[in-house]
Amino acid sequence: MAPRLPYLDRTQVDDRTRTVFDTLEAASGRVLNIFRLMAHHARSLAPFLDWYPRPREGPLDLKLRCLAYVRASQLNRCRYCVTHNGAAGRKAGVSAAQLDALAESAVSPLFSSSIAS
């Protein structure tokens, strides 16, 4: 599914957003499409990026946190988020079988009540 808005590149944004794009590119080698879309509402981009790492902090196990992100994405019907959060989960050690069974996690033997198996 194509986005409803075009992805913006650094030549199409204001100086402040261009600086944000440059920082993202320096950190990871690219600007993710979600941020290129968010650039349409430029004043939200920098505050979002300041907030974005915060939910990843804290004592919750990384695999469990990734599963929560994917499940929230499923419930919100955001295929983009399911795909990208699922990839992050796989990097963190979540199995493909767990991702596939996540919608039925309450009854799936792939999950326990204490943490993702």
Protein backbone atom coordinates (compact mmCIF):
# COMPACT_ATOMS: atom_id res chain seq x y z
CA MET A 1 0.00 0.00 0.00
CA ALA A 2 1.41 3.36 -0.99
CA PRO A 3 1.46 6.16 1.57
CA ARG A 4 -1.19 8.84 1.29
CA LEU A 5 1.53 11.49 1.45
CA PRO A 6 4.80 11.50 -0.45
CA TYR A 7 8.01 10.76 1.39
CA LEU A 8 9.98 13.98 1.74
CA ASP A 9 13.70 14.15 1.19
CA ARG A 10 16.14 16.69 2.55
CA THR A 11 15.72 19.01 -0.45
CA GLN A 12 12.01 19.38 0.34
CA VAL A 13 12.19 20.30 4.02
CA ASP A 14 13.07 23.36 6.07
CA ASP A 15 16.49 23.90 7.64
CA ARG A 16 15.50 22.54 11.07
CA THR A 17 14.13 19.33 9.57
CA ARG A 18 17.14 19.05 7.28
CA THR A 19 19.35 19.09 10.39
CA VAL A 20 17.23 16.30 11.90
CA PHE A 21 17.49 14.30 8.67
CA ASP A 22 21.28 14.80 8.64
CA THR A 23 21.51 13.57 12.24
CA LEU A 24 19.43 10.49 11.44
CA GLU A 25 21.49 9.73 8.36
CA ALA A 26 24.75 10.12 10.26
CA ALA A 27 23.51 7.76 12.98
CA SER A 28 22.08 4.98 10.82
CA GLY A 29 23.05 5.70 7.24
CA ARG A 30 19.53 6.62 6.17
CA VAL A 31 16.32 8.40 7.10
CA LEU A 32 13.51 5.91 7.66
CA ASN A 33 10.33 6.46 5.67
CA ILE A 34 8.31 7.06 8.82
CA PHE A 35 10.44 10.13 9.54
CA ARG A 36 10.22 11.26 5.92
CA LEU A 37 6.43 11.16 6.31
CA MET A 38 6.51 12.87 9.69
CA ALA A 39 8.43 15.73 8.07
CA HIS A 40 5.07 16.92 6.70
CA HIS A 41 4.42 18.07 10.28
CA ALA A 42 7.97 19.22 10.90
CA ARG A 43 7.48 20.67 14.36
CA SER A 44 6.57 17.20 15.65
CA LEU A 45 9.60 15.39 14.27
CA ALA A 46 12.33 16.51 16.70
CA PRO A 47 10.17 16.11 19.84
CA PHE A 48 9.10 12.65 18.65
CA LEU A 49 12.73 11.63 18.16
CA ASP A 50 13.54 12.91 21.65
CA TRP A 51 10.73 10.78 23.10
CA TYR A 52 11.10 7.70 20.89
CA PRO A 53 13.93 5.93 22.78
CA ARG A 54 12.28 6.43 26.20
CA PRO A 55 9.87 3.46 26.03
CA ARG A 56 12.91 1.23 25.36
CA GLU A 57 14.46 2.22 28.68
CA GLY A 58 13.70 0.45 31.93
CA PRO A 59 13.73 -3.03 33.41
CA LEU A 60 11.31 -4.76 31.01
CA ASP A 61 12.97 -7.58 29.06
CA LEU A 62 13.80 -6.45 25.51
CA LYS A 63 12.08 -9.44 23.87
CA LEU A 64 8.92 -8.84 25.87
CA ARG A 65 9.03 -5.14 25.03
CA CYS A 66 9.36 -5.96 21.32
CA LEU A 67 6.41 -8.34 21.53
CA ALA A 68 4.36 -5.57 23.14
CA TYR A 69 5.29 -3.16 20.33
CA VAL A 70 4.27 -5.69 17.68
CA ARG A 71 1.00 -6.51 19.44
CA ALA A 72 0.12 -2.83 19.81
CA SER A 73 0.90 -2.40 16.11
CA GLN A 74 -1.37 -5.33 15.26
CA LEU A 75 -4.20 -3.89 17.34
CA ASN A 76 -3.74 -0.52 15.63
CA ARG A 77 -3.73 -2.26 12.25
CA CYS A 78 -0.47 -0.59 11.28
CA ARG A 79 1.23 -2.99 8.87
CA TYR A 80 4.25 -0.72 8.59
CA CYS A 81 4.72 -0.83 12.36
CA VAL A 82 4.12 -4.58 12.56
CA THR A 83 6.81 -5.11 9.92
CA HIS A 84 9.40 -2.84 11.48
CA ASN A 85 8.71 -3.74 15.11
CA GLY A 86 8.71 -7.40 14.09
CA ALA A 87 12.15 -6.97 12.53
CA ALA A 88 13.40 -5.33 15.72
CA GLY A 89 11.93 -8.22 17.69
CA ARG A 90 13.72 -10.76 15.51
CA LYS A 91 17.00 -8.91 16.13
CA ALA A 92 16.27 -9.08 19.87
CA GLY A 93 15.71 -12.85 19.70
CA VAL A 94 11.95 -13.18 19.29
CA SER A 95 11.20 -16.20 17.13
CA ALA A 96 9.23 -15.99 13.91
CA ALA A 97 6.83 -18.53 15.42
CA GLN A 98 6.17 -16.21 18.37
CA LEU A 99 5.52 -13.28 16.07
CA ASP A 100 3.12 -15.41 14.02
CA ALA A 101 1.28 -16.58 17.16
CA LEU A 102 1.22 -13.24 18.95
CA ALA A 103 -2.46 -12.52 18.33
CA GLU A 104 -3.26 -15.78 20.18
CA SER A 105 -0.59 -15.37 22.85
CA ALA A 106 -3.02 -16.08 25.71
CA VAL A 107 -3.48 -19.67 24.52
CA SER A 108 -0.26 -20.31 22.61
CA PRO A 109 2.29 -22.69 24.14
CA LEU A 110 5.02 -20.36 22.76
CA PHE A 111 4.38 -17.91 25.61
CA SER A 112 4.44 -18.19 29.38
CA SER A 113 2.78 -16.01 31.98
CA SER A 114 6.12 -14.63 33.17
CA ILE A 115 7.98 -13.80 29.96
CA ALA A 116 8.30 -14.76 26.33
CA SER A 117 9.81 -18.25 26.07
